[in-house]
């Protein structure tokens, strides 16, 4: 019996897929071990969104060889689809598998024995048309359930359509069955994930469902306490979805809505499918119906042609909106994207400064949101997350909460009253009542 270890770079979607591939290996008789426990096989799932994909991949391969010099190393994921030959040139890599092949690892590689030259299993992204159900099982309290893959959008900065192919989805029936299966493991929260989950419902090239259809069915699944929507495009976040979440007992009041820029001129250059007025309307609608709702946003700084005036537009736009926190990304050029050849590249030091300013704004936004929740009562799902004799969990509306560690409360939901903390990263729980 061979030992296999997994390492994942990138998003929660990647983690859900790694977890699914790991189960395929254990079902086939392999033993899953930690990365440092001298495995016979390493499977490294890569990302193309994060900076320095090549550098990160090389570093992980180098570390793997230090731990187990004769191990078989396979590279999968988005970066493997985009740069298969570049990855194959990394010393120690034995196989590279693209988007269509990563779920066929066991079928394509029979014995995982090292050869003289690495093998590349790679087809054009146009052939990545199959859908593979995936979900993570590493966290006792929550799991990430993939409901959709690929993207039909053509944002000028993004490589995801090149790495994952066209938008495609699982059926509602399959997703509900998977959610019911997850519920049997004792997991309390399911996070719906994908590349563009608001576009859910395209099956075999044609639209068969809407995202609203899916969440209405999932709301009826017994045994799952919470569903959380990971991220949804503003142009796909309808009033019907907002109203549904408002009245749902299981879908929590937390939306992550990518913004990318508050400047309409930059949004147009990015080829986003909305302008700032629509984004503002979505935020106002959410807050009108759910004043306590947490709203997160993605923002890119340093996009080609982003002047100081454009950046200030973005800063002031966010400052004036009831956004609760930001995920700030510093723009970096991606091969084969229109943005990579655009003129007026922004100097690195300017990108860095703008990123710093938005991170500071995000901290202020988060502190303000947390302060608004002081004295309110919420349900906290406690996690196996321990620091300095404190345990942590999250409310429905995504406030991180702490209380003195008690192992009996892990994976339990308590109704708590929130108190201020001197720490900006969490609030304190008082008057805890187990639900």
Protein backbone atom coordinates (compact mmCIF):
# COMPACT_ATOMS: atom_id res chain seq x y z
CA UNK A 1 0.00 0.00 0.00
CA UNK A 2 1.45 3.35 -1.05
CA UNK A 3 1.19 6.53 0.97
CA UNK A 4 -0.07 9.69 -0.73
CA UNK A 5 0.03 13.31 0.42
CA UNK A 6 -1.81 16.33 -0.97
CA UNK A 7 -0.99 20.03 -1.08
CA UNK A 8 -3.39 22.71 -2.27
CA UNK A 9 -2.65 26.21 -3.49
CA UNK A 10 -5.40 28.75 -4.07
CA UNK A 11 -9.13 28.94 -3.48
CA UNK A 12 -11.72 26.95 -1.55
CA UNK A 13 -12.84 25.40 -4.83
CA UNK A 14 -9.37 23.87 -5.17
CA UNK A 15 -9.61 22.55 -1.61
CA UNK A 16 -12.95 20.90 -2.32
CA UNK A 17 -11.49 19.22 -5.41
CA UNK A 18 -8.32 18.10 -3.62
CA UNK A 19 -10.44 16.58 -0.88
CA UNK A 20 -12.51 14.67 -3.44
CA UNK A 21 -9.43 13.37 -5.26
CA UNK A 22 -7.97 12.28 -1.90
CA UNK A 23 -11.10 10.21 -1.24
CA UNK A 24 -10.64 8.55 -4.63
CA UNK A 25 -7.17 7.47 -3.56
CA UNK A 26 -8.26 6.13 -0.16
CA UNK A 27 -11.16 4.27 -1.79
CA UNK A 28 -8.60 2.67 -4.13
CA UNK A 29 -6.52 1.42 -1.19
CA UNK A 30 -3.93 4.18 -0.83
CA UNK A 31 -3.14 5.62 2.59
CA UNK A 32 -3.45 9.38 2.92
CA UNK A 33 -0.68 10.90 5.05
CA UNK A 34 0.52 14.36 5.98
CA UNK A 35 2.89 16.15 3.64
CA UNK A 36 5.92 15.67 5.90
CA UNK A 37 5.38 11.95 6.57
CA UNK A 38 7.59 10.62 3.74
CA UNK A 39 4.82 9.77 1.24
CA UNK A 40 5.37 7.68 -1.87
CA UNK A 41 3.21 10.06 -3.92
CA UNK A 42 2.68 13.81 -3.79
CA UNK A 43 -0.34 15.41 -5.49
CA UNK A 44 0.02 19.20 -5.73
CA UNK A 45 -3.08 21.16 -6.76
CA UNK A 46 -2.08 24.54 -8.21
CA UNK A 47 -3.66 27.94 -8.76
CA UNK A 48 -3.30 30.52 -11.51
CA UNK A 49 -4.88 33.45 -9.69
CA UNK A 50 -2.29 33.94 -6.96
CA UNK A 51 0.96 35.73 -7.71
CA UNK A 52 4.11 33.81 -8.63
CA UNK A 53 2.40 30.52 -9.48
CA UNK A 54 5.65 29.16 -10.94
CA UNK A 55 7.68 30.14 -7.89
CA UNK A 56 5.19 28.61 -5.47
CA UNK A 57 4.94 25.39 -7.45
CA UNK A 58 8.72 25.03 -7.60
CA UNK A 59 9.05 25.63 -3.88
CA UNK A 60 6.49 22.96 -2.98
CA UNK A 61 8.15 20.44 -5.32
CA UNK A 62 11.54 21.23 -3.78
CA UNK A 63 10.18 20.70 -0.26
CA UNK A 64 8.52 17.46 -1.31
CA UNK A 65 11.81 16.10 -2.64
CA UNK A 66 13.58 16.99 0.60
CA UNK A 67 11.01 14.99 2.54
CA UNK A 68 10.83 12.03 0.16
CA UNK A 69 13.52 12.16 -2.58
CA UNK A 70 12.15 9.20 -4.56
CA UNK A 71 8.46 10.09 -4.37
CA UNK A 72 6.25 10.39 -7.44
CA UNK A 73 5.13 14.00 -7.89
CA UNK A 74 2.01 14.90 -9.88
CA UNK A 75 0.94 18.50 -10.52
CA UNK A 76 -2.72 19.26 -11.20
CA UNK A 77 -4.99 22.31 -11.20
CA UNK A 78 -5.33 25.64 -12.99
CA UNK A 79 -1.62 26.35 -13.39
CA UNK A 80 -1.12 22.84 -14.75
CA UNK A 81 -3.73 23.56 -17.43
CA UNK A 82 -2.17 26.89 -18.40
CA UNK A 83 1.55 25.99 -18.30
CA UNK A 84 1.96 22.18 -18.59
CA UNK A 85 5.37 22.18 -20.31
CA UNK A 86 6.75 24.82 -17.95
CA UNK A 87 5.72 22.68 -14.98
CA UNK A 88 7.08 19.51 -16.56
CA UNK A 89 10.51 21.18 -16.71
CA UNK A 90 10.64 21.50 -12.91
CA UNK A 91 13.14 18.93 -11.55
CA UNK A 92 11.35 16.13 -9.76
CA UNK A 93 7.96 16.47 -11.46
CA UNK A 94 6.72 13.16 -12.87
CA UNK A 95 3.29 14.03 -14.25
CA UNK A 96 1.23 17.06 -15.16
CA UNK A 97 -2.54 16.78 -15.51
CA UNK A 98 -4.82 19.45 -16.96
CA UNK A 99 -8.42 20.37 -16.18
CA UNK A 100 -9.94 17.42 -18.04
CA UNK A 101 -7.53 14.89 -16.56
CA UNK A 102 -7.07 15.67 -12.85
CA UNK A 103 -10.06 13.59 -11.75
CA UNK A 104 -8.74 10.68 -13.84
CA UNK A 105 -5.40 10.42 -12.01
CA UNK A 106 -5.87 6.83 -10.95
CA UNK A 107 -7.04 5.82 -14.40
CA UNK A 108 -4.23 7.56 -16.29
CA UNK A 109 -1.33 6.73 -13.94
CA UNK A 110 -1.45 3.05 -13.07
CA UNK A 111 1.47 2.40 -10.70
CA UNK A 112 2.93 5.84 -9.90
CA UNK A 113 6.46 4.74 -10.73
CA UNK A 114 9.00 7.36 -11.71
CA UNK A 115 10.07 7.44 -15.35
CA UNK A 116 12.99 9.08 -17.10
CA UNK A 117 10.79 11.90 -18.45
CA UNK A 118 7.62 13.43 -16.99
CA UNK A 119 4.34 12.62 -18.67
CA UNK A 120 1.90 15.38 -19.63
CA UNK A 121 -1.80 14.56 -19.67
CA UNK A 122 -3.31 17.67 -21.16
CA UNK A 123 -6.09 18.54 -23.60
CA UNK A 124 -7.29 21.93 -24.87
CA UNK A 125 -9.54 23.67 -22.36
CA UNK A 126 -12.40 23.43 -24.87
CA UNK A 127 -12.53 19.72 -24.04
CA UNK A 128 -13.00 20.35 -20.32
CA UNK A 129 -16.75 19.78 -20.46
CA UNK A 130 -17.34 17.12 -17.78
CA UNK A 131 -18.58 18.10 -14.34
CA UNK A 132 -17.13 16.45 -11.23
CA UNK A 133 -18.89 16.71 -7.89
CA UNK A 134 -16.48 17.84 -5.15
CA UNK A 135 -16.61 18.71 -1.47
CA UNK A 136 -14.12 19.06 1.35
CA UNK A 137 -14.19 17.00 4.53
CA UNK A 138 -11.19 18.30 6.46
CA UNK A 139 -13.14 20.60 8.77
CA UNK A 140 -15.50 19.08 11.34
CA UNK A 141 -17.75 22.11 11.39
CA UNK A 142 -18.08 23.15 7.75
CA UNK A 143 -17.54 21.79 4.28
CA UNK A 144 -17.10 23.50 0.92
CA UNK A 145 -19.47 22.05 -1.66
CA UNK A 146 -18.76 22.71 -5.33
CA UNK A 147 -21.94 23.40 -7.29
CA UNK A 148 -20.52 24.96 -10.46
CA UNK A 149 -17.27 25.09 -12.47
CA UNK A 150 -15.83 27.20 -15.27
CA UNK A 151 -16.86 30.67 -16.42
CA UNK A 152 -18.42 32.19 -19.55
CA UNK A 153 -17.39 35.72 -18.61
CA UNK A 154 -14.45 37.42 -20.29
CA UNK A 155 -13.01 39.78 -17.68
CA UNK A 156 -9.87 41.24 -19.21
CA UNK A 157 -7.61 40.35 -16.26
CA UNK A 158 -8.70 36.77 -15.62
CA UNK A 159 -7.26 33.40 -16.69
CA UNK A 160 -9.97 31.24 -15.11
CA UNK A 161 -11.89 30.59 -18.37
CA UNK A 162 -8.58 29.46 -19.89
CA UNK A 163 -7.82 27.23 -16.90
CA UNK A 164 -11.26 25.78 -16.15
CA UNK A 165 -13.31 26.13 -19.32
CA UNK A 166 -16.93 27.07 -19.84
CA UNK A 167 -19.56 27.39 -17.14
CA UNK A 168 -21.13 24.07 -16.18
CA UNK A 169 -23.03 22.77 -13.19
CA UNK A 170 -24.18 19.71 -11.33
CA UNK A 171 -27.88 18.86 -11.24
CA UNK A 172 -30.02 20.01 -8.34
CA UNK A 173 -30.80 16.38 -7.56
CA UNK A 174 -27.11 15.46 -7.25
CA UNK A 175 -26.27 18.50 -5.15
CA UNK A 176 -29.15 17.84 -2.76
CA UNK A 177 -28.06 14.19 -2.42
CA UNK A 178 -24.49 15.29 -1.71
CA UNK A 179 -25.69 17.80 0.89
CA UNK A 180 -27.72 15.04 2.58
CA UNK A 181 -24.62 12.82 2.57
CA UNK A 182 -22.54 15.61 4.14
CA UNK A 183 -25.23 16.15 6.78
CA UNK A 184 -24.79 12.54 7.90
CA UNK A 185 -21.16 13.27 8.84
CA UNK A 186 -22.21 15.78 11.49
CA UNK A 187 -21.03 18.86 9.61
CA UNK A 188 -23.16 21.84 10.63
CA UNK A 189 -22.40 24.32 7.81
CA UNK A 190 -22.09 23.93 4.05
CA UNK A 191 -20.46 26.70 2.00
CA UNK A 192 -21.52 26.73 -1.65
CA UNK A 193 -18.54 27.29 -3.91
CA UNK A 194 -17.62 27.43 -7.58
CA UNK A 195 -16.06 29.79 -10.11
CA UNK A 196 -19.22 31.80 -10.81
CA UNK A 197 -21.95 30.28 -8.66
CA UNK A 198 -24.56 32.88 -9.54
CA UNK A 199 -24.41 31.43 -13.06
CA UNK A 200 -25.41 28.03 -11.67
CA UNK A 201 -27.70 25.92 -13.86
CA UNK A 202 -25.88 25.34 -17.15
CA UNK A 203 -25.82 21.59 -17.80
CA UNK A 204 -24.42 20.09 -21.01
CA UNK A 205 -24.28 23.52 -22.62
CA UNK A 206 -27.80 24.73 -21.93
CA UNK A 207 -29.42 26.46 -18.97
CA UNK A 208 -31.66 24.10 -17.05
CA UNK A 209 -31.86 25.79 -13.64
CA UNK A 210 -31.28 29.07 -11.85
CA UNK A 211 -29.27 29.60 -8.69
CA UNK A 212 -32.48 30.48 -6.87
CA UNK A 213 -33.95 27.08 -7.83
CA UNK A 214 -31.00 25.35 -6.18
CA UNK A 215 -30.95 27.26 -2.90
CA UNK A 216 -34.70 26.82 -2.49
CA UNK A 217 -34.20 23.04 -2.64
CA UNK A 218 -31.14 23.05 -0.37
CA UNK A 219 -33.09 25.00 2.24
CA UNK A 220 -35.15 21.85 2.80
CA UNK A 221 -32.21 19.52 3.49
CA UNK A 222 -32.48 18.01 6.97
CA UNK A 223 -29.41 17.88 9.21
CA UNK A 224 -27.61 20.93 7.86
CA UNK A 225 -27.88 23.91 10.19
CA UNK A 226 -26.41 26.51 7.84
CA UNK A 227 -25.73 27.22 4.19
CA UNK A 228 -23.39 30.05 3.24
CA UNK A 229 -22.97 31.54 -0.24
CA UNK A 230 -19.24 31.92 -0.90
CA UNK A 231 -19.26 34.65 -3.57
CA UNK A 232 -21.75 35.94 -6.11
CA UNK A 233 -21.41 38.48 -8.91
CA UNK A 234 -23.43 41.68 -8.34
CA UNK A 235 -25.24 41.39 -11.68
CA UNK A 236 -26.40 37.89 -10.69
CA UNK A 237 -27.46 38.79 -7.15
CA UNK A 238 -31.17 39.37 -7.70
CA UNK A 239 -33.75 40.83 -5.34
CA UNK A 240 -35.35 37.37 -5.29
CA UNK A 241 -32.15 35.85 -3.89
CA UNK A 242 -31.82 38.61 -1.30
CA UNK A 243 -35.45 38.17 -0.23
CA UNK A 244 -35.00 34.40 -0.06
CA UNK A 245 -31.97 34.70 2.24
CA UNK A 246 -33.83 37.21 4.40
CA UNK A 247 -36.60 34.70 5.13
CA UNK A 248 -34.52 31.50 5.12
CA UNK A 249 -33.70 29.78 8.38
CA UNK A 250 -30.65 28.06 6.91
CA UNK A 251 -29.06 30.46 4.41
CA UNK A 252 -27.14 32.94 6.51
CA UNK A 253 -27.06 36.76 6.12
CA UNK A 254 -23.62 37.02 4.59
CA UNK A 255 -22.82 37.95 0.99
CA UNK A 256 -19.42 38.25 -0.63
CA UNK A 257 -19.95 40.40 -3.73
CA UNK A 258 -16.91 41.10 -5.97
CA UNK A 259 -16.49 44.79 -6.78
CA UNK A 260 -12.97 44.99 -8.34
CA UNK A 261 -13.22 48.77 -8.83
CA UNK A 262 -15.46 51.65 -7.85
CA UNK A 263 -14.54 53.52 -11.03
CA UNK A 264 -16.83 52.96 -14.00
CA UNK A 265 -13.98 53.71 -16.39
CA UNK A 266 -11.89 50.91 -14.89
CA UNK A 267 -14.85 48.52 -14.67
CA UNK A 268 -15.35 48.98 -18.40
CA UNK A 269 -11.67 48.26 -19.08
CA UNK A 270 -11.96 45.17 -16.91
CA UNK A 271 -15.00 44.09 -18.98
CA UNK A 272 -17.06 43.59 -15.86
CA UNK A 273 -20.79 43.10 -16.42
CA UNK A 274 -21.99 45.96 -14.21
CA UNK A 275 -21.16 49.52 -13.25
CA UNK A 276 -20.84 51.09 -9.82
CA UNK A 277 -24.50 52.16 -9.69
CA UNK A 278 -25.69 48.56 -9.89
CA UNK A 279 -23.21 47.48 -7.23
CA UNK A 280 -24.38 50.25 -4.92
CA UNK A 281 -27.99 49.25 -5.54
CA UNK A 282 -27.25 45.64 -4.53
CA UNK A 283 -25.57 46.71 -1.28
CA UNK A 284 -28.42 49.07 -0.43
CA UNK A 285 -30.97 46.35 -1.16
CA UNK A 286 -29.19 43.87 1.11
CA UNK A 287 -28.93 46.36 3.95
CA UNK A 288 -32.55 47.46 3.52
CA UNK A 289 -33.81 43.92 4.01
CA UNK A 290 -31.07 42.67 6.39
CA UNK A 291 -29.39 45.56 8.27
CA UNK A 292 -27.25 43.08 10.23
CA UNK A 293 -25.98 41.34 7.07
CA UNK A 294 -22.22 41.08 6.51
CA UNK A 295 -21.06 42.15 3.05
CA UNK A 296 -17.56 41.42 1.76
CA UNK A 297 -16.02 42.67 -1.48
CA UNK A 298 -13.06 41.85 -3.73
CA UNK A 299 -11.07 44.82 -5.03
CA UNK A 300 -8.17 44.95 -7.51
CA UNK A 301 -5.70 47.84 -7.25
CA UNK A 302 -3.17 48.91 -9.86
CA UNK A 303 -5.09 47.83 -12.95
CA UNK A 304 -3.55 49.28 -16.16
CA UNK A 305 -4.65 52.87 -16.62
CA UNK A 306 -5.89 53.27 -13.03
CA UNK A 307 -5.01 56.89 -12.27
CA UNK A 308 -4.92 58.44 -8.82
CA UNK A 309 -8.38 59.84 -9.57
CA UNK A 310 -9.71 56.38 -10.47
CA UNK A 311 -8.28 54.93 -7.28
CA UNK A 312 -9.81 57.72 -5.18
CA UNK A 313 -13.15 57.01 -6.83
CA UNK A 314 -12.84 53.41 -5.65
CA UNK A 315 -11.72 54.42 -2.16
CA UNK A 316 -14.56 56.90 -1.66
CA UNK A 317 -17.10 54.55 -3.20
CA UNK A 318 -16.22 51.82 -0.69
CA UNK A 319 -15.90 54.30 2.16
CA UNK A 320 -19.48 55.49 1.61
CA UNK A 321 -21.01 52.01 1.34
CA UNK A 322 -21.93 49.64 4.19
CA UNK A 323 -19.35 47.06 3.18
CA UNK A 324 -18.03 45.01 6.11
CA UNK A 325 -14.60 43.92 4.87
CA UNK A 326 -12.43 43.75 1.74
CA UNK A 327 -10.28 41.17 0.00
CA UNK A 328 -7.66 43.35 -1.68
CA UNK A 329 -5.73 42.04 -4.69
CA UNK A 330 -2.77 43.80 -6.23
CA UNK A 331 -3.07 43.52 -10.01
CA UNK A 332 -0.47 41.30 -11.63
CA UNK A 333 -0.13 40.59 -15.34
CA UNK A 334 -1.40 37.24 -16.61
CA UNK A 335 -0.29 35.80 -19.92
CA UNK A 336 -2.95 35.50 -22.63
CA UNK A 337 -5.24 38.07 -21.02
CA UNK A 338 -6.14 41.39 -22.73
CA UNK A 339 -5.10 43.38 -19.66
CA UNK A 340 -1.52 42.09 -19.88
CA UNK A 341 -0.93 44.08 -23.08
CA UNK A 342 -2.79 47.22 -22.05
CA UNK A 343 -0.77 50.45 -21.92
CA UNK A 344 -0.28 52.65 -18.84
CA UNK A 345 1.08 49.96 -16.54
CA UNK A 346 1.04 51.08 -12.91
CA UNK A 347 4.41 51.07 -11.09
CA UNK A 348 4.84 48.39 -8.43
CA UNK A 349 5.33 50.88 -5.61
CA UNK A 350 2.05 52.63 -6.53
CA UNK A 351 0.20 49.32 -6.59
CA UNK A 352 1.66 48.49 -3.17
CA UNK A 353 0.65 51.86 -1.68
CA UNK A 354 -2.90 51.57 -2.97
CA UNK A 355 -3.15 48.06 -1.58
CA UNK A 356 -1.99 49.30 1.84
CA UNK A 357 -4.58 52.08 1.85
CA UNK A 358 -7.40 49.69 1.03
CA UNK A 359 -6.25 47.18 3.65
CA UNK A 360 -6.41 49.97 6.20
CA UNK A 361 -9.88 50.92 4.98
CA UNK A 362 -10.94 47.28 5.26
CA UNK A 363 -9.79 47.19 8.89
CA UNK A 364 -11.85 50.31 9.64
CA UNK A 365 -14.88 48.84 7.91
CA UNK A 366 -14.59 45.59 9.84
CA UNK A 367 -14.19 47.37 13.18
CA UNK A 368 -17.24 49.51 12.43
CA UNK A 369 -19.31 46.46 11.49
CA UNK A 370 -18.20 44.57 14.61
CA UNK A 371 -18.99 47.60 16.78
CA UNK A 372 -22.49 47.70 15.31
CA UNK A 373 -23.01 44.12 16.51
CA UNK A 374 -22.03 44.76 20.14
CA UNK A 375 -24.88 43.89 22.48
CA UNK A 376 -26.73 41.85 19.85
CA UNK A 377 -27.52 38.15 20.12
CA UNK A 378 -26.44 35.64 17.49
CA UNK A 379 -25.84 31.94 16.99
CA UNK A 380 -22.15 30.96 16.93
CA UNK A 381 -20.85 27.73 15.45
CA UNK A 382 -17.75 26.93 17.51
CA UNK A 383 -14.79 25.50 15.61
CA UNK A 384 -11.69 23.51 16.49
CA UNK A 385 -9.77 26.78 16.30
CA UNK A 386 -7.80 27.40 19.48
CA UNK A 387 -5.47 30.31 20.30
CA UNK A 388 -4.16 31.34 23.72
CA UNK A 389 -6.78 29.28 25.60
CA UNK A 390 -9.59 30.82 23.54
CA UNK A 391 -11.80 28.98 21.07
CA UNK A 392 -13.30 30.70 18.04
CA UNK A 393 -16.37 30.47 15.87
CA UNK A 394 -18.53 32.52 13.54
CA UNK A 395 -21.99 33.98 13.83
CA UNK A 396 -24.49 33.62 11.01
CA UNK A 397 -23.44 37.08 9.80
CA UNK A 398 -19.75 36.20 9.82
CA UNK A 399 -18.55 37.86 13.01
CA UNK A 400 -15.61 35.97 14.49
CA UNK A 401 -16.28 35.34 18.17
CA UNK A 402 -14.12 34.05 21.03
CA UNK A 403 -14.78 32.43 24.39
CA UNK A 404 -12.66 30.40 26.87
CA UNK A 405 -11.80 27.00 25.40
CA UNK A 406 -14.12 24.12 26.19
CA UNK A 407 -13.77 20.97 24.05
CA UNK A 408 -17.46 20.14 24.58
CA UNK A 409 -18.48 23.13 22.50
CA UNK A 410 -16.56 22.21 19.32
CA UNK A 411 -19.05 21.82 16.45
CA UNK A 412 -21.85 23.05 18.69
CA UNK A 413 -24.06 26.06 18.06
CA UNK A 414 -24.63 28.46 20.94
CA UNK A 415 -26.75 31.55 21.15
CA UNK A 416 -24.52 34.28 22.48
CA UNK A 417 -24.59 37.96 23.26
CA UNK A 418 -21.67 39.78 21.67
CA UNK A 419 -19.38 42.09 23.59
CA UNK A 420 -16.65 44.45 22.44
CA UNK A 421 -13.07 43.17 22.35
CA UNK A 422 -9.86 45.12 22.25
CA UNK A 423 -8.92 42.80 19.39
CA UNK A 424 -10.15 43.96 15.99
CA UNK A 425 -10.10 40.39 14.66
CA UNK A 426 -12.86 39.04 16.91
CA UNK A 427 -15.58 39.81 19.45
CA UNK A 428 -16.14 38.21 22.86
CA UNK A 429 -19.09 35.96 23.64
CA UNK A 430 -21.08 36.48 26.82
CA UNK A 431 -24.29 34.87 28.10
CA UNK A 432 -23.78 31.70 26.02
CA UNK A 433 -26.75 29.34 25.69
CA UNK A 434 -26.40 26.01 23.85
CA UNK A 435 -29.10 25.69 21.20
